[in-house]
Amino acid sequence: MNRNSQIINERYDALMFAKSPESARKAARELVRVLLGDEALNRPLEEALRECCRRLRPSIDPREQARFESEFVELGIWPNTAHQVAA
């Protein structure tokens, strides 16, 4: 595994296993930066996470891809999702 792949995997794992909203957002931003580059940090986090998902977990089925992207975004922005569900 090359160094770049290892870094992406580390950031992805940090996102998957985040234990707090802050650590989830930090891991999401770091994954976006590593995968898409520094300029991607200027985009909304949700949009950047969807692009990351398209690169990391592409699907031929558009409905399945939309589900994958939504789940991925939820990982990085789960505090907002929890707040909306509670409301």
Protein backbone atom coordinates (compact mmCIF):
# COMPACT_ATOMS: atom_id res chain seq x y z
CA MET A 1 0.00 0.00 0.00
CA ASN A 2 1.46 3.36 -0.94
CA ARG A 3 1.71 6.20 1.56
CA ASN A 4 -1.22 8.17 0.11
CA SER A 5 -3.54 5.15 0.33
CA GLN A 6 -2.44 4.55 3.89
CA ILE A 7 -3.22 8.16 4.87
CA ILE A 8 -6.65 7.97 3.19
CA ASN A 9 -7.41 4.73 5.03
CA GLU A 10 -6.34 6.25 8.36
CA ARG A 11 -8.58 9.30 7.82
CA TYR A 12 -11.47 7.10 6.69
CA ASP A 13 -11.13 4.93 9.81
CA ALA A 14 -11.01 8.03 12.01
CA LEU A 15 -14.28 9.18 10.42
CA MET A 16 -15.93 5.77 10.74
CA PHE A 17 -15.04 5.38 14.41
CA ALA A 18 -15.37 8.98 15.64
CA LYS A 19 -16.71 9.14 19.18
CA SER A 20 -17.83 12.76 19.26
CA PRO A 21 -19.30 15.32 16.88
CA GLU A 22 -16.07 17.31 16.99
CA SER A 23 -13.87 14.33 16.14
CA ALA A 24 -16.25 13.34 13.31
CA ARG A 25 -16.07 16.79 11.73
CA LYS A 26 -12.30 16.95 12.16
CA ALA A 27 -11.86 13.52 10.57
CA ALA A 28 -14.24 14.48 7.74
CA ARG A 29 -12.29 17.67 6.98
CA GLU A 30 -8.99 15.80 7.05
CA LEU A 31 -10.32 13.13 4.68
CA VAL A 32 -11.60 15.82 2.31
CA ARG A 33 -8.23 17.57 2.36
CA VAL A 34 -6.27 14.38 1.71
CA LEU A 35 -8.58 13.02 -0.97
CA LEU A 36 -9.65 16.19 -2.79
CA GLY A 37 -6.93 18.69 -1.92
CA ASP A 38 -6.77 21.89 0.09
CA GLU A 39 -9.06 23.85 -2.26
CA ALA A 40 -11.91 21.42 -1.45
CA LEU A 41 -11.94 22.79 2.10
CA ASN A 42 -13.51 25.96 0.68
CA ARG A 43 -16.60 24.00 -0.42
CA PRO A 44 -19.43 23.04 1.92
CA LEU A 45 -18.47 19.96 3.93
CA GLU A 46 -21.53 18.01 2.75
CA GLU A 47 -20.69 18.58 -0.91
CA ALA A 48 -17.05 17.63 -0.40
CA LEU A 49 -18.01 14.46 1.49
CA ARG A 50 -20.34 13.42 -1.33
CA GLU A 51 -17.45 13.81 -3.79
CA CYS A 52 -15.20 11.75 -1.50
CA CYS A 53 -17.83 9.03 -1.39
CA ARG A 54 -18.07 8.98 -5.19
CA ARG A 55 -14.33 8.35 -5.32
CA LEU A 56 -14.10 5.86 -2.45
CA ARG A 57 -17.32 3.92 -2.99
CA PRO A 58 -18.70 4.39 -6.51
CA SER A 59 -21.84 2.58 -7.61
CA ILE A 60 -23.40 2.01 -11.01
CA ASP A 61 -26.91 2.25 -9.52
CA PRO A 62 -27.81 5.94 -8.94
CA ARG A 63 -30.17 5.11 -6.05
CA GLU A 64 -27.52 3.05 -4.34
CA GLN A 65 -24.96 5.82 -4.90
CA ALA A 66 -27.31 8.38 -3.35
CA ARG A 67 -27.75 6.12 -0.32
CA PHE A 68 -23.98 5.63 0.02
CA GLU A 69 -23.42 9.38 -0.17
CA SER A 70 -26.12 10.13 2.40
CA GLU A 71 -24.64 7.61 4.83
CA PHE A 72 -21.16 9.02 4.28
CA VAL A 73 -22.34 12.59 4.87
CA GLU A 74 -24.14 11.45 8.01
CA LEU A 75 -20.85 10.10 9.37
CA GLY A 76 -19.14 13.46 8.96
CA ILE A 77 -22.03 15.66 10.00
CA TRP A 78 -23.83 13.42 12.45
CA PRO A 79 -24.39 16.11 15.08
CA ASN A 80 -26.72 17.93 12.69
CA THR A 81 -28.52 14.72 11.77
CA ALA A 82 -29.04 13.79 15.42
CA HIS A 83 -30.37 17.27 16.13
CA GLN A 84 -32.83 17.05 13.25
CA VAL A 85 -34.05 13.60 14.32
CA ALA A 86 -34.55 14.77 17.89
CA ALA A 87 -36.48 17.83 16.80
